[in-house]
Every structure is written in C-alpha cells, then in structure tokens.
C-alpha cells in the first residue's frame, strides 16, 4: 500500500466564493468560517463576507488572501473528515498553505492559525512599499539556470529564486528592476517569463524585516508537536517537533519555497497519492510535472468528495 499526502494551496489560488458550497452544506465547514470571523473580529470583521461574496480586489489584498485561503481550505478538509476520508500519512502546503497543513496535523488551533496568517500578510504587505517589489514565474529552463540569471541581475537590485515549484517552473522575487532584468536574461536562454500580479515580493531577503516582526507573534502562539509529519517548505523534509516547525515557519518568509523538492521527498517516503485540498488545482499540476507516476486528486467542490474518496 502506498502512502497518502494531503497538500494545501497558497496565495494565488483565491477566488470569490471559494468553499461556498461547503459553507452551505456542512455545518462543520460553516463553523470554520464563523470561528475565523470571531478570531478576526477586531482586525478584519468582514473576512467571511469578502471570501464568500467579494469584492475581488478586497480578497486579493494580502491581509485578506492569507486567512481567506486558510479558512476555505480548512473548511473543505472538515467536510472531508465528516464524510470519512482517511487520515493522511503526510501533510504539506505551499507557502501560506503550510499553516493549513499544520492545522490539519493538529499542531495549531484554528483561532490562532487565522490570526497568524492575517498578521503574516500584514507584516509582509508593510515590509516593502507598493510598487517597489515584483515576482515573475520563469518556465522552460531548469532551476540552476534561474539561479544563474538571478546572480547576473544582482547589480540591478535584489532578485532571488522564491519558489521552486516544479523542475520546469521557478518563481523569482525581489526589487522590480532586478526582477525585470533577470526575466530578460532568462528569455535569452529560452525561458518563458510571466510577471505575477502580486503586491508583495515574497520569499526573498526583502522579507527579512517582516519575518523578524512576525517571529515574536510566532513565539507567543501555542504550537504543539504533531503525529502526522509536516513536510516544510524551508527544508523539504518532514518535521513533527513544535520548535522546529516554528523556526521553519519564520525562515520560510524570507527563503525559497522548495515545493518540488518537498514532493520528491514525499514520493521517496512512499507517497503515491496526493490530494490537493482547497481552491483551484495549482499544486496538482505542479505535482504532475514533478512526479508523473503518482496519482493526484483535488477536492474543491462538494461534488468532488464522493469521487475522490472512492478513488483513494
């Protein structure tokens, strides 16, 4: 028997109305939304309205996006639990998704996770002035070449690999001019370059101040040791001890997300079935590019529940 991993999406997967059908049909899912509203009643009292009804430009603000995706993904997971999905052997999440994974593994309470993701978004948003940072996806050249073009463009400012998404897709992050220059150099090597619509240059050294401010909040948040291993972005290895998890969550903010390496690690540990839990299917596609021989499913709508449960 192969092993089962549940994976959780990060920023970029959000859309207005995500998990709305779960909210309507499962009281367990509705409870997640209501607890999130309670957790953020002082800072974002309209979080549930914005996730379920919009407006879209509000949801796309980092302070709404981060808790919003966590809430939608966890609401879907609670419905999966309610209909009898098995417990996973591993959990992992892409960037922000790591908080949902930790929640599912029982390492943090929902109330705290919602608050942490809001603060994470807030500090990240405040760390770099609007318009100063940028991110681009670089496709069709290997990660080693992306690293080289970042080095070559460094005279223009900070630019670093931010997400190792798949062997064919690396996202770069940093100061706008340097990111644009690295993109031009990558195109000369045959890459396809897609500028991303983001307001924050995540997972690069420009986020160090945000991470340091956030570290204090992390230290004050109860995090427990877990039994289901969490494969973390910073190390691409499994962790179960609270002190390691906390340190890796801090480092993740200003370090690259080693996503495809995390997928390869889980496959090396016997995982042959991945279920993406949450809005869209971004991770499913990246997993298929990384490990074409594994089975990949995603649960995004209520009608996916029976289909996926029977298949795994």
C-alpha atoms as a PDB file:
ATOM      1  CA  UNK A   1       0.000   0.000   0.000  1.00  0.00           C
ATOM      2  CA  UNK A   2       1.322   3.394  -0.996  1.00  0.00           C
ATOM      3  CA  UNK A   3       1.056   6.372   1.307  1.00  0.00           C
ATOM      4  CA  UNK A   4      -1.318   9.334   1.148  1.00  0.00           C
ATOM      5  CA  UNK A   5      -0.453  13.041   1.362  1.00  0.00           C
ATOM      6  CA  UNK A   6      -2.822  16.000   1.694  1.00  0.00           C
ATOM      7  CA  UNK A   7      -1.465  19.262   0.302  1.00  0.00           C
ATOM      8  CA  UNK A   8      -2.810  22.794   0.686  1.00  0.00           C
ATOM      9  CA  UNK A   9      -2.562  25.742  -1.729  1.00  0.00           C
ATOM     10  CA  UNK A  10      -1.089  29.182  -1.087  1.00  0.00           C
ATOM     11  CA  UNK A  11      -1.631  32.685  -2.353  1.00  0.00           C
ATOM     12  CA  UNK A  12      -2.775  32.987  -5.956  1.00  0.00           C
ATOM     13  CA  UNK A  13      -5.423  30.253  -5.681  1.00  0.00           C
ATOM     14  CA  UNK A  14      -8.058  32.533  -4.155  1.00  0.00           C
ATOM     15  CA  UNK A  15     -11.344  33.469  -5.814  1.00  0.00           C
ATOM     16  CA  UNK A  16     -14.586  34.963  -4.556  1.00  0.00           C
ATOM     17  CA  UNK A  17     -16.954  32.228  -3.371  1.00  0.00           C
ATOM     18  CA  UNK A  18     -14.296  29.567  -2.676  1.00  0.00           C
ATOM     19  CA  UNK A  19     -15.719  26.821  -0.417  1.00  0.00           C
ATOM     20  CA  UNK A  20     -19.170  28.468  -0.501  1.00  0.00           C
ATOM     21  CA  UNK A  21     -20.923  25.168  -1.296  1.00  0.00           C
ATOM     22  CA  UNK A  22     -19.217  23.543   1.727  1.00  0.00           C
ATOM     23  CA  UNK A  23     -20.262  26.503   3.884  1.00  0.00           C
ATOM     24  CA  UNK A  24     -23.881  25.923   2.782  1.00  0.00           C
ATOM     25  CA  UNK A  25     -23.948  22.126   3.054  1.00  0.00           C
ATOM     26  CA  UNK A  26     -21.735  21.215   6.026  1.00  0.00           C
ATOM     27  CA  UNK A  27     -22.121  22.711   9.483  1.00  0.00           C
ATOM     28  CA  UNK A  28     -18.511  21.653  10.170  1.00  0.00           C
ATOM     29  CA  UNK A  29     -17.381  23.918   7.306  1.00  0.00           C
ATOM     30  CA  UNK A  30     -19.654  26.787   8.347  1.00  0.00           C
ATOM     31  CA  UNK A  31     -18.179  26.550  11.860  1.00  0.00           C
ATOM     32  CA  UNK A  32     -14.706  27.179  10.396  1.00  0.00           C
ATOM     33  CA  UNK A  33     -15.888  30.401   8.768  1.00  0.00           C
ATOM     34  CA  UNK A  34     -17.652  31.568  11.930  1.00  0.00           C
ATOM     35  CA  UNK A  35     -14.632  30.882  14.116  1.00  0.00           C
ATOM     36  CA  UNK A  36     -12.435  32.830  11.668  1.00  0.00           C
ATOM     37  CA  UNK A  37     -14.841  35.757  11.881  1.00  0.00           C
ATOM     38  CA  UNK A  38     -14.622  35.597  15.679  1.00  0.00           C
ATOM     39  CA  UNK A  39     -10.809  35.402  15.587  1.00  0.00           C
ATOM     40  CA  UNK A  40     -10.514  38.489  13.362  1.00  0.00           C
ATOM     41  CA  UNK A  41     -13.461  40.472  14.739  1.00  0.00           C
ATOM     42  CA  UNK A  42     -11.188  43.373  15.752  1.00  0.00           C
ATOM     43  CA  UNK A  43      -8.989  43.496  12.637  1.00  0.00           C
ATOM     44  CA  UNK A  44     -10.974  42.072   9.664  1.00  0.00           C
ATOM     45  CA  UNK A  45     -14.594  41.743  10.804  1.00  0.00           C
ATOM     46  CA  UNK A  46     -15.774  41.299   7.183  1.00  0.00           C
ATOM     47  CA  UNK A  47     -13.438  38.345   6.369  1.00  0.00           C
ATOM     48  CA  UNK A  48     -16.282  35.855   5.720  1.00  0.00           C
ATOM     49  CA  UNK A  49     -18.240  38.274   3.533  1.00  0.00           C
ATOM     50  CA  UNK A  50     -15.146  39.084   1.480  1.00  0.00           C
ATOM     51  CA  UNK A  51     -14.274  35.393   0.945  1.00  0.00           C
ATOM     52  CA  UNK A  52     -17.805  34.360   0.007  1.00  0.00           C
ATOM     53  CA  UNK A  53     -19.101  37.483  -1.777  1.00  0.00           C
ATOM     54  CA  UNK A  54     -16.126  39.704  -2.622  1.00  0.00           C
ATOM     55  CA  UNK A  55     -15.295  42.236  -3.909  1.00  0.00           C
ATOM     56  CA  UNK A  56     -12.401  40.528  -5.660  1.00  0.00           C
ATOM     57  CA  UNK A  57      -9.931  43.416  -5.237  1.00  0.00           C
ATOM     58  CA  UNK A  58     -10.509  43.220  -1.479  1.00  0.00           C
ATOM     59  CA  UNK A  59      -9.919  39.451  -1.397  1.00  0.00           C
ATOM     60  CA  UNK A  60      -6.707  39.952  -3.390  1.00  0.00           C
ATOM     61  CA  UNK A  61      -5.222  42.142  -0.654  1.00  0.00           C
ATOM     62  CA  UNK A  62      -2.658  40.024   1.179  1.00  0.00           C
ATOM     63  CA  UNK A  63      -4.225  40.604   4.616  1.00  0.00           C
ATOM     64  CA  UNK A  64      -7.489  39.057   3.340  1.00  0.00           C
ATOM     65  CA  UNK A  65      -5.977  36.484   0.974  1.00  0.00           C
ATOM     66  CA  UNK A  66      -3.874  34.681   3.557  1.00  0.00           C
ATOM     67  CA  UNK A  67      -6.517  33.972   6.218  1.00  0.00           C
ATOM     68  CA  UNK A  68      -9.119  33.602   3.438  1.00  0.00           C
ATOM     69  CA  UNK A  69      -7.368  30.690   1.717  1.00  0.00           C
ATOM     70  CA  UNK A  70      -6.603  29.020   5.036  1.00  0.00           C
ATOM     71  CA  UNK A  71     -10.260  29.221   6.064  1.00  0.00           C
ATOM     72  CA  UNK A  72     -11.599  27.966   2.720  1.00  0.00           C
ATOM     73  CA  UNK A  73      -9.119  25.066   2.582  1.00  0.00           C
ATOM     74  CA  UNK A  74      -9.712  24.013   6.177  1.00  0.00           C
ATOM     75  CA  UNK A  75     -13.490  24.260   5.721  1.00  0.00           C
ATOM     76  CA  UNK A  76     -13.162  21.786   2.831  1.00  0.00           C
ATOM     77  CA  UNK A  77     -10.953  19.495   4.939  1.00  0.00           C
ATOM     78  CA  UNK A  78     -13.533  19.455   7.764  1.00  0.00           C
ATOM     79  CA  UNK A  79     -16.154  18.271   5.261  1.00  0.00           C
ATOM     80  CA  UNK A  80     -13.747  15.542   4.089  1.00  0.00           C
ATOM     81  CA  UNK A  81     -13.410  14.417   7.704  1.00  0.00           C
ATOM     82  CA  UNK A  82     -17.188  14.443   8.092  1.00  0.00           C
ATOM     83  CA  UNK A  83     -17.709  12.065   5.146  1.00  0.00           C
ATOM     84  CA  UNK A  84     -14.981   9.676   6.301  1.00  0.00           C
ATOM     85  CA  UNK A  85     -11.821  10.473   4.331  1.00  0.00           C
ATOM     86  CA  UNK A  86      -8.774   8.640   5.727  1.00  0.00           C
ATOM     87  CA  UNK A  87      -6.104  10.421   7.768  1.00  0.00           C
ATOM     88  CA  UNK A  88      -3.077  11.322   5.638  1.00  0.00           C
ATOM     89  CA  UNK A  89       0.426   9.911   6.155  1.00  0.00           C
ATOM     90  CA  UNK A  90       1.961  13.307   5.333  1.00  0.00           C
ATOM     91  CA  UNK A  91       0.773  16.901   5.037  1.00  0.00           C
ATOM     92  CA  UNK A  92       2.383  19.828   3.228  1.00  0.00           C
ATOM     93  CA  UNK A  93       1.376  23.255   1.995  1.00  0.00           C
ATOM     94  CA  UNK A  94       2.722  25.780  -0.462  1.00  0.00           C
ATOM     95  CA  UNK A  95       3.891  28.890   1.422  1.00  0.00           C
ATOM     96  CA  UNK A  96       0.754  30.070   3.236  1.00  0.00           C
ATOM     97  CA  UNK A  97      -0.668  26.536   2.741  1.00  0.00           C
ATOM     98  CA  UNK A  98       1.837  25.269   5.300  1.00  0.00           C
ATOM     99  CA  UNK A  99      -0.356  26.845   8.013  1.00  0.00           C
ATOM    100  CA  UNK A 100      -3.396  24.883   6.800  1.00  0.00           C
ATOM    101  CA  UNK A 101      -1.273  21.724   6.774  1.00  0.00           C
ATOM    102  CA  UNK A 102      -0.151  22.382  10.363  1.00  0.00           C
ATOM    103  CA  UNK A 103      -3.776  22.950  11.379  1.00  0.00           C
ATOM    104  CA  UNK A 104      -4.848  19.647   9.795  1.00  0.00           C
ATOM    105  CA  UNK A 105      -1.969  17.851  11.561  1.00  0.00           C
ATOM    106  CA  UNK A 106      -3.231  19.203  14.897  1.00  0.00           C
ATOM    107  CA  UNK A 107      -0.227  21.419  15.610  1.00  0.00           C
ATOM    108  CA  UNK A 108      -2.180  24.650  15.991  1.00  0.00           C
ATOM    109  CA  UNK A 109      -5.745  25.708  16.814  1.00  0.00           C
ATOM    110  CA  UNK A 110      -7.934  27.331  14.141  1.00  0.00           C
ATOM    111  CA  UNK A 111      -8.403  30.543  16.130  1.00  0.00           C
ATOM    112  CA  UNK A 112      -4.615  31.018  16.344  1.00  0.00           C
ATOM    113  CA  UNK A 113      -3.917  29.939  12.748  1.00  0.00           C
ATOM    114  CA  UNK A 114      -6.350  32.517  11.364  1.00  0.00           C
ATOM    115  CA  UNK A 115      -4.782  35.276  13.444  1.00  0.00           C
ATOM    116  CA  UNK A 116      -1.253  34.268  12.486  1.00  0.00           C
ATOM    117  CA  UNK A 117      -1.996  34.247   8.756  1.00  0.00           C
ATOM    118  CA  UNK A 118      -3.603  37.683   8.999  1.00  0.00           C
ATOM    119  CA  UNK A 119      -0.518  39.048  10.803  1.00  0.00           C
ATOM    120  CA  UNK A 120       1.798  37.314   8.353  1.00  0.00           C
ATOM    121  CA  UNK A 121       0.010  39.050   5.482  1.00  0.00           C
ATOM    122  CA  UNK A 122       0.051  42.380   7.310  1.00  0.00           C
ATOM    123  CA  UNK A 123       3.792  42.324   8.050  1.00  0.00           C
ATOM    124  CA  UNK A 124       4.630  41.140   4.536  1.00  0.00           C
ATOM    125  CA  UNK A 125       2.478  43.874   2.997  1.00  0.00           C
ATOM    126  CA  UNK A 126       4.125  46.545   5.154  1.00  0.00           C
ATOM    127  CA  UNK A 127       7.712  45.349   4.584  1.00  0.00           C
ATOM    128  CA  UNK A 128       8.108  46.689   1.032  1.00  0.00           C
ATOM    129  CA  UNK A 129       6.452  49.849  -0.351  1.00  0.00           C
ATOM    130  CA  UNK A 130       3.776  49.228  -3.003  1.00  0.00           C
ATOM    131  CA  UNK A 131       5.330  49.095  -6.487  1.00  0.00           C
ATOM    132  CA  UNK A 132       8.892  48.502  -5.290  1.00  0.00           C
ATOM    133  CA  UNK A 133       8.814  44.699  -5.385  1.00  0.00           C
ATOM    134  CA  UNK A 134       7.893  42.205  -8.081  1.00  0.00           C
ATOM    135  CA  UNK A 135       7.686  38.479  -8.787  1.00  0.00           C
ATOM    136  CA  UNK A 136       7.819  36.546 -12.071  1.00  0.00           C
ATOM    137  CA  UNK A 137       7.379  32.892 -12.993  1.00  0.00           C
ATOM    138  CA  UNK A 138      10.192  31.527 -15.156  1.00  0.00           C
ATOM    139  CA  UNK A 139       9.249  28.470 -17.221  1.00  0.00           C
ATOM    140  CA  UNK A 140      11.095  26.088 -19.555  1.00  0.00           C
ATOM    141  CA  UNK A 141      14.595  26.427 -18.112  1.00  0.00           C
ATOM    142  CA  UNK A 142      15.968  24.412 -15.172  1.00  0.00           C
ATOM    143  CA  UNK A 143      16.251  25.896 -11.668  1.00  0.00           C
ATOM    144  CA  UNK A 144      20.063  26.024 -11.889  1.00  0.00           C
ATOM    145  CA  UNK A 145      19.830  28.428 -14.851  1.00  0.00           C
ATOM    146  CA  UNK A 146      17.289  30.585 -12.999  1.00  0.00           C
ATOM    147  CA  UNK A 147      19.763  30.839 -10.119  1.00  0.00           C
ATOM    148  CA  UNK A 148      22.440  31.968 -12.591  1.00  0.00           C
ATOM    149  CA  UNK A 149      20.300  34.736 -14.129  1.00  0.00           C
ATOM    150  CA  UNK A 150      19.422  35.998 -10.640  1.00  0.00           C
ATOM    151  CA  UNK A 151      23.143  36.281  -9.852  1.00  0.00           C
ATOM    152  CA  UNK A 152      23.773  38.100 -13.144  1.00  0.00           C
ATOM    153  CA  UNK A 153      20.978  40.616 -12.465  1.00  0.00           C
ATOM    154  CA  UNK A 154      22.012  41.432  -8.897  1.00  0.00           C
ATOM    155  CA  UNK A 155      23.717  44.689  -9.878  1.00  0.00           C
ATOM    156  CA  UNK A 156      20.153  45.966 -10.543  1.00  0.00           C
ATOM    157  CA  UNK A 157      18.977  45.143  -7.010  1.00  0.00           C
ATOM    158  CA  UNK A 158      17.701  42.190  -5.009  1.00  0.00           C
ATOM    159  CA  UNK A 159      16.457  39.244  -7.094  1.00  0.00           C
ATOM    160  CA  UNK A 160      16.336  35.652  -5.855  1.00  0.00           C
ATOM    161  CA  UNK A 161      14.592  32.344  -6.578  1.00  0.00           C
ATOM    162  CA  UNK A 162      11.450  32.376  -4.423  1.00  0.00           C
ATOM    163  CA  UNK A 163       9.505  29.222  -5.331  1.00  0.00           C
ATOM    164  CA  UNK A 164      10.972  26.033  -6.759  1.00  0.00           C
ATOM    165  CA  UNK A 165       7.547  24.961  -7.995  1.00  0.00           C
ATOM    166  CA  UNK A 166       8.456  22.171 -10.409  1.00  0.00           C
ATOM    167  CA  UNK A 167      11.535  21.179 -12.409  1.00  0.00           C
ATOM    168  CA  UNK A 168      10.135  23.408 -15.191  1.00  0.00           C
ATOM    169  CA  UNK A 169       8.884  26.358 -13.130  1.00  0.00           C
ATOM    170  CA  UNK A 170      10.780  28.638 -10.768  1.00  0.00           C
ATOM    171  CA  UNK A 171       9.378  31.915  -9.426  1.00  0.00           C
ATOM    172  CA  UNK A 172      11.787  34.802  -8.813  1.00  0.00           C
ATOM    173  CA  UNK A 173      11.226  37.635  -6.365  1.00  0.00           C
ATOM    174  CA  UNK A 174      12.859  40.928  -5.421  1.00  0.00           C
ATOM    175  CA  UNK A 175      13.120  44.562  -6.466  1.00  0.00           C
ATOM    176  CA  UNK A 176      11.170  45.407  -9.613  1.00  0.00           C
ATOM    177  CA  UNK A 177      14.081  46.474 -11.817  1.00  0.00           C
ATOM    178  CA  UNK A 178      16.217  43.478 -10.875  1.00  0.00           C
ATOM    179  CA  UNK A 179      13.339  41.020 -11.392  1.00  0.00           C
ATOM    180  CA  UNK A 180      12.694  42.515 -14.846  1.00  0.00           C
ATOM    181  CA  UNK A 181      16.386  42.258 -15.741  1.00  0.00           C
ATOM    182  CA  UNK A 182      16.585  38.633 -14.596  1.00  0.00           C
ATOM    183  CA  UNK A 183      13.483  37.955 -16.687  1.00  0.00           C
ATOM    184  CA  UNK A 184      15.156  39.418 -19.799  1.00  0.00           C
ATOM    185  CA  UNK A 185      18.272  37.302 -19.201  1.00  0.00           C
ATOM    186  CA  UNK A 186      16.100  34.210 -18.734  1.00  0.00           C
ATOM    187  CA  UNK A 187      14.324  34.872 -22.047  1.00  0.00           C
ATOM    188  CA  UNK A 188      17.717  34.985 -23.773  1.00  0.00           C
ATOM    189  CA  UNK A 189      18.209  31.428 -22.505  1.00  0.00           C
ATOM    190  CA  UNK A 190      14.879  30.331 -23.989  1.00  0.00           C
ATOM    191  CA  UNK A 191      12.636  30.784 -20.961  1.00  0.00           C
ATOM    192  CA  UNK A 192       9.049  31.933 -20.908  1.00  0.00           C
ATOM    193  CA  UNK A 193       8.599  34.641 -18.262  1.00  0.00           C
ATOM    194  CA  UNK A 194       5.250  35.589 -16.703  1.00  0.00           C
ATOM    195  CA  UNK A 195       5.114  38.617 -14.359  1.00  0.00           C
ATOM    196  CA  UNK A 196       2.828  37.791 -11.415  1.00  0.00           C
ATOM    197  CA  UNK A 197       0.076  40.047 -10.088  1.00  0.00           C
ATOM    198  CA  UNK A 198       1.332  40.373  -6.534  1.00  0.00           C
ATOM    199  CA  UNK A 199       1.705  43.287  -4.172  1.00  0.00           C
ATOM    200  CA  UNK A 200       4.482  41.678  -2.113  1.00  0.00           C
ATOM    201  CA  UNK A 201       7.848  40.171  -3.211  1.00  0.00           C
ATOM    202  CA  UNK A 202       7.526  37.032  -1.069  1.00  0.00           C
ATOM    203  CA  UNK A 203      10.225  34.537  -0.107  1.00  0.00           C
ATOM    204  CA  UNK A 204      13.264  36.731  -0.664  1.00  0.00           C
ATOM    205  CA  UNK A 205      15.608  38.695   1.590  1.00  0.00           C
ATOM    206  CA  UNK A 206      13.401  41.819   1.293  1.00  0.00           C
ATOM    207  CA  UNK A 207      11.029  39.985   3.656  1.00  0.00           C
ATOM    208  CA  UNK A 208      13.574  39.619   6.486  1.00  0.00           C
ATOM    209  CA  UNK A 209      12.155  42.579   8.478  1.00  0.00           C
ATOM    210  CA  UNK A 210       8.630  41.220   8.094  1.00  0.00           C
ATOM    211  CA  UNK A 211       9.829  37.813   9.276  1.00  0.00           C
ATOM    212  CA  UNK A 212      11.568  39.317  12.309  1.00  0.00           C
ATOM    213  CA  UNK A 213       8.406  41.212  13.327  1.00  0.00           C
ATOM    214  CA  UNK A 214       6.326  38.070  12.788  1.00  0.00           C
ATOM    215  CA  UNK A 215       8.752  35.890  14.784  1.00  0.00           C
ATOM    216  CA  UNK A 216       7.580  37.470  18.027  1.00  0.00           C
ATOM    217  CA  UNK A 217       3.945  36.580  17.244  1.00  0.00           C
ATOM    218  CA  UNK A 218       5.003  33.045  16.327  1.00  0.00           C
ATOM    219  CA  UNK A 219       6.810  32.729  19.660  1.00  0.00           C
ATOM    220  CA  UNK A 220       3.639  33.771  21.512  1.00  0.00           C
ATOM    221  CA  UNK A 221       1.428  31.302  19.630  1.00  0.00           C
ATOM    222  CA  UNK A 222       0.925  27.824  21.090  1.00  0.00           C
ATOM    223  CA  UNK A 223       2.223  25.228  18.613  1.00  0.00           C
ATOM    224  CA  UNK A 224       2.225  21.537  19.566  1.00  0.00           C
ATOM    225  CA  UNK A 225       4.277  18.534  18.470  1.00  0.00           C
ATOM    226  CA  UNK A 226       2.376  16.560  15.831  1.00  0.00           C
ATOM    227  CA  UNK A 227       1.966  12.892  14.874  1.00  0.00           C
ATOM    228  CA  UNK A 228       1.328  13.420  11.151  1.00  0.00           C
ATOM    229  CA  UNK A 229       4.636  14.584   9.629  1.00  0.00           C
ATOM    230  CA  UNK A 230       4.598  18.054   8.060  1.00  0.00           C
ATOM    231  CA  UNK A 231       6.955  18.428   5.091  1.00  0.00           C
ATOM    232  CA  UNK A 232       8.079  22.040   5.340  1.00  0.00           C
ATOM    233  CA  UNK A 233       8.945  24.494   2.568  1.00  0.00           C
ATOM    234  CA  UNK A 234      12.215  25.648   4.108  1.00  0.00           C
ATOM    235  CA  UNK A 235      13.848  22.211   4.408  1.00  0.00           C
ATOM    236  CA  UNK A 236      11.801  19.990   2.042  1.00  0.00           C
ATOM    237  CA  UNK A 237      11.926  17.439   4.871  1.00  0.00           C
ATOM    238  CA  UNK A 238       9.420  16.184   7.438  1.00  0.00           C
ATOM    239  CA  UNK A 239       9.065  17.745  10.883  1.00  0.00           C
ATOM    240  CA  UNK A 240       6.956  16.857  13.912  1.00  0.00           C
ATOM    241  CA  UNK A 241       8.576  18.870  16.733  1.00  0.00           C
ATOM    242  CA  UNK A 242       6.996  22.225  17.589  1.00  0.00           C
ATOM    243  CA  UNK A 243      10.294  24.129  17.984  1.00  0.00           C
ATOM    244  CA  UNK A 244      11.491  23.043  14.518  1.00  0.00           C
ATOM    245  CA  UNK A 245       8.143  23.802  12.903  1.00  0.00           C
ATOM    246  CA  UNK A 246       8.090  27.287  14.428  1.00  0.00           C
ATOM    247  CA  UNK A 247      11.649  28.073  13.271  1.00  0.00           C
ATOM    248  CA  UNK A 248      10.911  26.841   9.737  1.00  0.00           C
ATOM    249  CA  UNK A 249       7.733  28.959   9.552  1.00  0.00           C
ATOM    250  CA  UNK A 250       9.849  32.004  10.421  1.00  0.00           C
ATOM    251  CA  UNK A 251      12.565  31.193   7.857  1.00  0.00           C
ATOM    252  CA  UNK A 252      10.014  30.365   5.167  1.00  0.00           C
ATOM    253  CA  UNK A 253       9.005  34.032   4.845  1.00  0.00           C
ATOM    254  CA  UNK A 254      12.398  35.175   3.500  1.00  0.00           C
ATOM    255  CA  UNK A 255      13.632  31.875   1.998  1.00  0.00           C
ATOM    256  CA  UNK A 256      12.611  29.984  -1.148  1.00  0.00           C
ATOM    257  CA  UNK A 257       9.684  27.547  -1.085  1.00  0.00           C
ATOM    258  CA  UNK A 258      11.221  24.194  -2.003  1.00  0.00           C
ATOM    259  CA  UNK A 259       7.985  22.745  -3.335  1.00  0.00           C
ATOM    260  CA  UNK A 260       9.088  20.244  -5.941  1.00  0.00           C
ATOM    261  CA  UNK A 261      11.826  19.033  -3.589  1.00  0.00           C
ATOM    262  CA  UNK A 262       9.098  18.515  -0.943  1.00  0.00           C
ATOM    263  CA  UNK A 263       7.063  16.474  -3.423  1.00  0.00           C
ATOM    264  CA  UNK A 264      10.141  14.410  -4.335  1.00  0.00           C
ATOM    265  CA  UNK A 265      10.808  13.821  -0.633  1.00  0.00           C
ATOM    266  CA  UNK A 266       7.264  12.547  -0.023  1.00  0.00           C
ATOM    267  CA  UNK A 267       7.490  10.268  -3.066  1.00  0.00           C
ATOM    268  CA  UNK A 268      10.817   8.921  -1.722  1.00  0.00           C
ATOM    269  CA  UNK A 269       8.977   8.103   1.531  1.00  0.00           C
ATOM    270  CA  UNK A 270       6.390   6.015  -0.307  1.00  0.00           C
ATOM    271  CA  UNK A 271       3.664   8.564  -1.105  1.00  0.00           C
ATOM    272  CA  UNK A 272       1.897   7.566  -4.327  1.00  0.00           C
ATOM    273  CA  UNK A 273      -1.375   9.511  -3.860  1.00  0.00           C
ATOM    274  CA  UNK A 274      -1.687  13.267  -3.366  1.00  0.00           C
ATOM    275  CA  UNK A 275      -4.932  15.085  -2.624  1.00  0.00           C
ATOM    276  CA  UNK A 276      -4.932  18.864  -3.013  1.00  0.00           C
ATOM    277  CA  UNK A 277      -7.455  20.356  -0.583  1.00  0.00           C
ATOM    278  CA  UNK A 278      -8.618  23.898  -1.339  1.00  0.00           C
ATOM    279  CA  UNK A 279      -9.367  26.351  -4.131  1.00  0.00           C
ATOM    280  CA  UNK A 280      -8.167  25.646  -7.703  1.00  0.00           C
ATOM    281  CA  UNK A 281      -5.684  22.923  -8.650  1.00  0.00           C
ATOM    282  CA  UNK A 282      -2.355  24.742  -8.906  1.00  0.00           C
ATOM    283  CA  UNK A 283      -0.475  22.219  -6.767  1.00  0.00           C
ATOM    284  CA  UNK A 284      -1.984  19.243  -8.608  1.00  0.00           C
ATOM    285  CA  UNK A 285      -0.457  20.488 -11.853  1.00  0.00           C
ATOM    286  CA  UNK A 286       2.928  21.146 -10.238  1.00  0.00           C
ATOM    287  CA  UNK A 287       2.939  17.664  -8.664  1.00  0.00           C
ATOM    288  CA  UNK A 288       2.156  16.084 -12.041  1.00  0.00           C
ATOM    289  CA  UNK A 289       5.109  17.947 -13.593  1.00  0.00           C
ATOM    290  CA  UNK A 290       7.389  16.779 -10.766  1.00  0.00           C
ATOM    291  CA  UNK A 291       6.250  13.183 -10.254  1.00  0.00           C
ATOM    292  CA  UNK A 292       4.322  11.984 -13.325  1.00  0.00           C
ATOM    293  CA  UNK A 293       3.782   8.483 -11.914  1.00  0.00           C
ATOM    294  CA  UNK A 294       1.804   9.394  -8.788  1.00  0.00           C
ATOM    295  CA  UNK A 295      -1.979   9.754  -8.502  1.00  0.00           C
ATOM    296  CA  UNK A 296      -3.185  13.309  -7.952  1.00  0.00           C
ATOM    297  CA  UNK A 297      -6.689  14.442  -6.963  1.00  0.00           C
ATOM    298  CA  UNK A 298      -8.152  17.701  -5.786  1.00  0.00           C
ATOM    299  CA  UNK A 299     -11.140  18.464  -3.600  1.00  0.00           C
ATOM    300  CA  UNK A 300     -12.511  21.913  -4.360  1.00  0.00           C
ATOM    301  CA  UNK A 301     -16.275  21.418  -4.674  1.00  0.00           C
ATOM    302  CA  UNK A 302     -18.809  19.329  -2.738  1.00  0.00           C
ATOM    303  CA  UNK A 303     -19.271  17.038  -5.752  1.00  0.00           C
ATOM    304  CA  UNK A 304     -15.552  16.116  -5.580  1.00  0.00           C
ATOM    305  CA  UNK A 305     -15.986  14.457  -2.165  1.00  0.00           C
ATOM    306  CA  UNK A 306     -17.531  11.114  -3.173  1.00  0.00           C
ATOM    307  CA  UNK A 307     -15.498  10.832  -6.373  1.00  0.00           C
ATOM    308  CA  UNK A 308     -12.137  11.367  -4.663  1.00  0.00           C
ATOM    309  CA  UNK A 309     -12.985   9.360  -1.543  1.00  0.00           C
ATOM    310  CA  UNK A 310     -13.877   6.335  -3.674  1.00  0.00           C
ATOM    311  CA  UNK A 311     -10.767   6.730  -5.814  1.00  0.00           C
ATOM    312  CA  UNK A 312      -8.236   6.852  -2.986  1.00  0.00           C
END
